[in-house]
Protein backbone atom coordinates (compact mmCIF):
# COMPACT_ATOMS: atom_id res chain seq x y z
CA MET A 1 171.89 57.83 80.79
CA THR A 2 172.38 58.53 84.49
CA SER A 3 169.42 60.88 84.51
CA GLN A 4 167.22 58.24 82.89
CA ARG A 5 168.32 55.65 85.49
CA ARG A 6 167.48 58.03 88.32
CA HIS A 7 164.06 58.61 86.78
CA ASP A 8 163.46 54.86 86.44
CA ASP A 9 164.55 54.30 90.05
CA HIS A 10 162.15 56.99 91.25
CA HIS A 11 159.39 55.55 89.06
CA ASN A 12 159.91 52.04 90.44
CA HIS A 13 160.17 53.37 93.97
CA GLY A 14 156.77 55.03 93.54
CA HIS A 15 155.29 51.72 92.42
CA ALA A 16 156.84 49.96 95.41
CA ASP A 17 155.53 52.59 97.83
CA ASP A 18 152.00 52.28 96.40
CA HIS A 19 152.12 48.49 96.59
CA GLU A 20 153.52 48.50 100.14
CA HIS A 21 151.01 51.08 101.34
CA GLY A 22 148.10 49.17 99.80
CA HIS A 23 149.37 45.89 101.27
CA GLU A 24 149.69 47.41 104.76
CA HIS A 25 146.21 48.95 104.48
CA ALA A 26 144.68 45.63 103.43
CA ASN A 27 146.42 43.79 106.29
CA GLY A 28 145.17 46.42 108.73
CA LEU A 29 141.58 45.99 107.57
CA ARG A 30 141.82 42.19 107.85
CA GLN A 31 143.25 42.36 111.38
CA GLN A 32 140.60 44.88 112.42
CA SER A 33 137.90 42.62 110.95
CA ARG A 34 139.15 39.54 112.83
CA GLY A 35 139.23 41.42 116.14
CA GLY A 36 135.81 42.92 115.49
CA LYS A 37 134.21 39.54 114.72
CA ARG A 38 135.68 37.98 117.86
CA ASP A 39 134.38 40.80 120.05
CA LEU A 40 130.98 40.64 118.36
CA LEU A 41 130.70 36.96 119.33
CA ILE A 42 131.64 37.79 122.94
CA ALA A 43 129.00 40.54 123.07
CA LEU A 44 126.47 38.20 121.46
CA SER A 45 127.02 35.57 124.17
CA ILE A 46 126.50 38.16 126.92
CA THR A 47 123.31 39.65 125.46
CA LEU A 48 121.82 36.23 124.62
CA LEU A 49 122.16 35.09 128.23
CA MET A 50 120.73 38.33 129.59
CA MET A 51 117.82 38.26 127.16
CA ILE A 52 116.70 34.97 128.66
CA VAL A 53 117.18 36.23 132.23
CA GLU A 54 115.27 39.48 131.62
CA ALA A 55 112.42 37.76 129.77
CA ILE A 56 111.87 35.36 132.68
CA GLY A 57 112.32 38.15 135.24
CA GLY A 58 109.88 40.42 133.39
CA LEU A 59 107.19 37.77 133.28
CA LEU A 60 107.60 36.89 136.96
CA SER A 61 107.65 40.53 138.12
CA ASN A 62 105.04 41.78 135.60
CA SER A 63 107.41 44.60 134.62
CA LEU A 64 106.85 46.13 131.18
CA ALA A 65 110.27 47.75 131.36
CA LEU A 66 111.99 44.37 131.85
CA ILE A 67 109.91 42.68 129.15
CA SER A 68 110.60 45.56 126.75
CA ASP A 69 114.29 45.40 127.56
CA ALA A 70 114.28 41.66 126.87
CA GLY A 71 112.63 42.35 123.51
CA HIS A 72 115.25 45.01 122.87
CA MET A 73 117.92 42.46 123.67
CA LEU A 74 116.35 40.10 121.15
CA THR A 75 116.90 42.74 118.48
CA ASP A 76 120.42 43.18 119.85
CA ASN A 77 121.13 39.52 119.26
CA LEU A 78 119.73 39.71 115.74
CA ALA A 79 121.75 42.86 115.12
CA LEU A 80 124.95 41.31 116.43
CA LEU A 81 124.41 38.21 114.27
CA LEU A 82 123.71 40.43 111.26
CA SER A 83 126.83 42.49 111.98
CA PHE A 84 128.95 39.36 112.35
CA PHE A 85 127.84 37.86 109.03
CA ALA A 86 128.14 41.23 107.31
CA MET A 87 131.77 41.51 108.43
CA LYS A 88 132.32 37.91 107.35
CA PHE A 89 131.06 38.62 103.83
CA ALA A 90 132.86 41.98 103.68
CA THR A 91 136.22 40.17 103.74
CA LEU A 92 135.37 38.21 100.59
CA PRO A 93 137.48 39.16 97.53
CA ALA A 94 136.15 41.39 94.76
CA THR A 95 134.60 39.81 91.68
CA GLU A 96 134.09 40.90 88.08
CA LYS A 97 130.53 41.93 88.93
CA ARG A 98 131.33 43.45 92.35
CA THR A 99 134.60 45.24 91.77
CA PHE A 100 134.61 46.87 95.22
CA GLY A 101 133.97 43.51 96.91
CA PHE A 102 131.29 43.20 99.59
CA TYR A 103 132.23 46.17 101.81
CA ARG A 104 128.77 47.74 101.47
CA LEU A 105 127.19 44.81 103.32
CA GLU A 106 128.49 46.40 106.52
CA ILE A 107 126.67 49.64 105.70
CA LEU A 108 123.45 47.81 104.84
CA ALA A 109 123.64 45.95 108.15
CA ALA A 110 124.17 49.22 110.02
CA LEU A 111 121.16 50.76 108.26
CA ILE A 112 118.95 47.78 109.14
CA ASN A 113 120.15 47.93 112.76
CA GLY A 114 119.20 51.59 113.00
CA ILE A 115 115.74 51.01 111.51
CA ILE A 116 115.10 48.09 113.88
CA LEU A 117 116.04 50.27 116.83
CA VAL A 118 113.52 52.93 115.81
CA VAL A 119 110.70 50.42 115.21
CA ILE A 120 111.24 48.62 118.54
CA SER A 121 111.41 51.93 120.41
CA LEU A 122 108.11 53.08 118.90
CA TYR A 123 106.51 49.79 119.93
CA ILE A 124 107.80 50.23 123.50
CA ILE A 125 106.30 53.73 123.57
CA TYR A 126 102.94 52.32 122.45
CA GLN A 127 102.97 49.60 125.13
CA SER A 128 103.99 52.16 127.75
CA TYR A 129 101.04 54.35 126.77
CA LEU A 130 98.67 51.42 127.34
CA ARG A 131 100.25 50.82 130.78
CA MET A 132 99.79 54.50 131.68
CA ILE A 133 96.07 54.22 130.96
CA HIS A 134 95.75 50.93 132.85
CA PRO A 135 98.54 50.72 135.50
CA GLN A 136 99.48 47.23 136.64
CA ARG A 137 101.18 45.95 139.78
CA VAL A 138 104.92 45.27 139.47
CA GLU A 139 107.22 43.23 141.77
CA GLY A 140 109.79 45.92 142.55
CA MET A 141 112.41 43.73 144.26
CA LEU A 142 112.62 41.14 141.49
CA MET A 143 112.57 43.90 138.90
CA LEU A 144 115.48 45.63 140.66
CA ILE A 145 117.63 42.50 140.96
CA VAL A 146 117.22 41.50 137.32
CA ALA A 147 117.82 45.08 136.15
CA VAL A 148 121.10 45.31 138.08
CA ILE A 149 122.32 42.05 136.52
CA GLY A 150 121.28 43.32 133.10
CA LEU A 151 123.11 46.61 133.63
CA VAL A 152 126.36 44.81 134.49
CA ALA A 153 126.00 42.59 131.42
CA ASN A 154 125.30 45.54 129.12
CA ILE A 155 128.28 47.49 130.40
CA SER A 156 130.49 44.45 129.82
CA GLY A 157 129.23 44.05 126.25
CA ALA A 158 129.64 47.78 125.51
CA VAL A 159 133.23 47.76 126.79
CA VAL A 160 134.04 44.84 124.48
CA LEU A 161 132.76 46.69 121.40
CA MET A 162 133.79 50.24 122.32
CA LYS A 163 137.27 50.07 120.75
CA HIS A 164 135.76 49.20 117.36
CA SER A 165 132.76 51.55 117.45
CA HIS A 166 134.68 54.62 116.19
CA SER A 167 136.28 52.94 113.18
CA ASN A 168 133.51 50.63 111.97
CA LEU A 169 129.99 51.85 111.26
CA ASN A 170 128.55 48.36 111.39
CA ILE A 171 129.98 47.63 114.86
CA ARG A 172 128.84 51.08 115.94
CA GLY A 173 125.28 49.94 115.20
CA ALA A 174 125.73 46.88 117.44
CA TYR A 175 127.44 49.07 120.05
CA LEU A 176 124.48 51.49 120.08
CA HIS A 177 122.11 48.57 120.59
CA ILE A 178 123.98 47.54 123.74
CA VAL A 179 124.36 51.12 124.99
CA GLY A 180 120.63 51.56 124.51
CA ASP A 181 120.08 48.46 126.63
CA ALA A 182 122.40 49.86 129.30
CA PHE A 183 120.26 53.00 129.49
CA SER A 184 117.20 50.79 129.68
CA SER A 185 118.72 48.85 132.56
CA ILE A 186 119.53 52.06 134.42
CA GLY A 187 115.94 53.18 134.01
CA VAL A 188 114.63 49.84 135.21
CA VAL A 189 116.94 49.97 138.25
CA VAL A 190 115.58 53.42 139.14
CA GLY A 191 112.05 52.23 138.52
CA GLY A 192 112.56 49.16 140.69
CA ILE A 193 113.80 51.29 143.58
CA ILE A 194 110.86 53.72 143.29
CA ILE A 195 108.30 50.92 143.09
CA LEU A 196 109.94 49.08 145.99
CA TYR A 197 109.79 52.09 148.33
CA THR A 198 106.73 54.04 147.09
CA GLY A 199 104.52 51.55 145.22
CA TRP A 200 104.17 54.03 142.33
CA TYR A 201 103.71 51.60 139.42
CA LEU A 202 103.28 54.37 136.85
CA ILE A 203 107.07 54.91 136.87
CA ASP A 204 107.50 51.69 134.89
CA PRO A 205 105.87 52.92 131.63
CA ILE A 206 107.16 56.48 132.08
CA LEU A 207 110.77 55.29 132.21
CA SER A 208 110.17 53.03 129.22
CA ILE A 209 109.07 56.03 127.13
CA LEU A 210 112.08 58.14 128.17
CA ILE A 211 114.48 55.30 127.40
CA SER A 212 112.87 54.81 123.98
CA PHE A 213 113.47 58.44 123.04
CA VAL A 214 117.15 58.10 123.98
CA ILE A 215 117.43 55.01 121.78
CA ILE A 216 115.70 56.74 118.85
CA TYR A 217 118.08 59.69 119.10
CA GLY A 218 121.13 57.45 118.75
CA ALA A 219 119.56 55.30 116.05
CA TRP A 220 118.69 58.31 113.91
CA ALA A 221 122.35 59.33 113.68
CA LEU A 222 123.23 55.79 112.59
CA VAL A 223 120.51 55.70 109.92
CA LYS A 224 121.48 59.14 108.66
CA GLU A 225 125.15 58.23 108.24
CA SER A 226 124.34 54.88 106.61
CA VAL A 227 122.02 56.52 104.07
CA SER A 228 124.64 59.19 103.39
CA ILE A 229 127.22 56.51 102.53
CA LEU A 230 124.78 54.55 100.35
CA LEU A 231 123.97 57.78 98.48
CA GLU A 232 127.73 58.26 97.99
CA SER A 233 127.72 61.65 99.69
CA VAL A 234 130.97 63.45 100.40
CA PRO A 235 132.41 62.29 103.79
CA SER A 236 131.79 64.81 106.57
CA HIS A 237 135.51 65.44 107.18
CA ILE A 238 136.22 66.36 103.54
CA ASP A 239 135.56 69.66 101.76
CA ILE A 240 135.65 69.42 97.95
CA GLU A 241 136.95 72.97 97.46
CA THR A 242 139.78 72.34 99.92
CA VAL A 243 140.75 69.15 98.06
CA ALA A 244 140.71 70.98 94.71
CA THR A 245 142.86 73.81 96.07
CA ALA A 246 145.39 71.43 97.61
CA ILE A 247 145.79 69.47 94.36
CA SER A 248 146.10 72.63 92.27
CA GLN A 249 149.06 73.75 94.41
CA ILE A 250 151.15 70.74 93.35
CA ARG A 251 153.87 71.71 90.90
CA GLY A 252 152.79 71.01 87.33
CA VAL A 253 149.06 71.10 88.14
CA ARG A 254 147.00 73.98 86.76
CA GLU A 255 143.56 72.98 88.01
CA ALA A 256 141.59 70.14 89.66
CA TYR A 257 137.91 69.87 88.81
CA HIS A 258 134.95 67.48 88.46
CA ILE A 259 135.95 65.99 91.82
CA HIS A 260 133.85 63.21 93.35
CA VAL A 261 134.58 61.82 96.83
CA TRP A 262 132.60 59.05 98.46
CA THR A 263 132.85 56.38 101.17
CA ILE A 264 133.02 52.69 100.25
CA THR A 265 132.70 51.49 103.85
CA SER A 266 133.73 52.75 107.30
CA GLY A 267 137.11 54.49 107.04
CA VAL A 268 137.60 53.61 103.34
CA HIS A 269 137.21 56.65 101.06
CA ALA A 270 137.54 56.91 97.28
CA MET A 271 137.86 59.79 94.83
CA SER A 272 137.84 60.52 91.10
CA ALA A 273 138.95 63.79 89.56
CA HIS A 274 140.03 65.53 86.37
CA VAL A 275 143.38 67.28 86.73
CA LEU A 276 144.51 69.88 84.22
CA ILE A 277 148.31 69.83 83.97
CA ASP A 278 151.10 71.59 82.08
CA ASP A 279 152.08 70.07 78.77
CA GLN A 280 154.83 67.56 79.56
CA LEU A 281 156.27 64.17 78.69
CA VAL A 282 153.99 61.22 79.32
CA SER A 283 156.84 59.54 81.24
CA ARG A 284 156.64 62.27 83.89
CA SER A 285 152.92 61.84 84.53
CA ARG A 286 153.45 58.91 86.89
CA ASP A 287 155.46 61.07 89.29
CA LEU A 288 152.70 63.69 89.23
CA ILE A 289 150.04 61.08 89.99
CA ASN A 290 152.16 59.75 92.87
CA ASP A 291 152.38 63.27 94.32
CA ILE A 292 148.60 63.69 94.09
CA LYS A 293 147.89 60.29 95.64
CA SER A 294 150.34 60.96 98.49
CA LEU A 295 148.64 64.29 99.21
CA LEU A 296 145.20 62.69 99.23
CA ALA A 297 146.28 59.87 101.55
CA GLU A 298 148.19 62.03 104.04
CA LYS A 299 145.92 65.08 104.23
CA PHE A 300 142.44 63.72 103.48
CA LYS A 301 142.74 59.96 104.28
CA ILE A 302 141.67 59.07 100.73
CA LEU A 303 143.42 55.81 99.86
CA HIS A 304 141.63 54.93 96.61
CA SER A 305 141.72 57.53 93.83
CA THR A 306 141.35 57.69 90.06
CA ILE A 307 143.03 60.70 88.46
CA GLN A 308 142.41 61.69 84.84
CA LEU A 309 145.23 63.91 83.60
CA GLU A 310 144.36 66.42 80.87
CA CYS A 311 146.03 69.24 78.95
CA GLU A 312 142.64 70.76 78.06
CA ARG A 313 139.44 71.00 80.09
CA CYS A 314 136.74 68.36 79.63
CA ASP A 315 133.63 70.55 79.41
CA MET A 316 131.90 68.94 76.43
CA ASN A 317 131.07 65.65 78.19
CA PRO A 318 127.51 65.93 79.65
CA ILE A 319 128.57 63.81 82.67
CA CYS A 320 131.53 66.09 83.32
CA SER A 321 129.35 69.19 83.28
CA LEU A 322 126.71 68.11 85.82
CA PRO A 323 125.68 71.15 87.92
CA ASN A 324 126.48 69.51 91.25
CA ASN A 325 130.14 69.04 90.38
CA VAL A 326 132.44 71.50 92.09
CA GLN A 327 134.94 73.26 89.85
CA MET A 328 137.88 74.97 91.51
CA LYS A 329 140.27 77.02 89.47
CA ARG A 330 143.66 77.95 90.68
């Protein structure tokens, strides 16, 4: 009787730990989302003001670099708005049709941001090429003044979003937009100084091309990661064989196989697996599942997992025996 009570206490304690951990994780995501949305609005206000300033300054100074940077800031504003609304929808509760909720909207927004960055950069390169063939006079002093103001504004916006850029892929897209603008502003500042003192107008399109390549480089990494998540690829920090080996070393587990790990949204990973166990009472299986889930959360940062316990291997199911599944025997 005492042994059964201890087992029930441990069983209930496991349920309480799971509930408490899930509750804390959900609260953390909500707090992170609120802070991210507030900072996105701050960055949006900064870039919107500077877009207007650079557009006017570019027209008055006849600087392609300033006009291009203003156009880039227009995409920044669209990207920041898209990111804000994506985060807004991502906090909506799950439904019967969308059981994971709307988390993937953040990834879609990040993908669109990356594509927009590439397209705008290619357009800037094209316009710069035309300017190289037919150089035009540029007002260096006005170009320099506006570029310095733009640089300060971009640095301010980047600082606001920096703390969220490592934990949220969607905000990272907005952050890269602003960092790209900061590089643009630096280039325009250099170009303004050169034009002011040498009158070499060709520096304007040359710097625009160099800046565009920097932007494309950063955008490609964003697009690549977004596509990887949408294709439900294994997260870069996780090795399937290592996960299988770690699970198989838990007492009572003989083998872990048919393991699938994917990312739902930034920092939220999920897993499903078949686990071959020793023949035992059904009442003890909950403790074994708790051990597996604790291992996955602590060692691999996998907080959502579905574990199918088996006493015999599932090799007859055609889905189970897909060639790309990794099987790891103890």
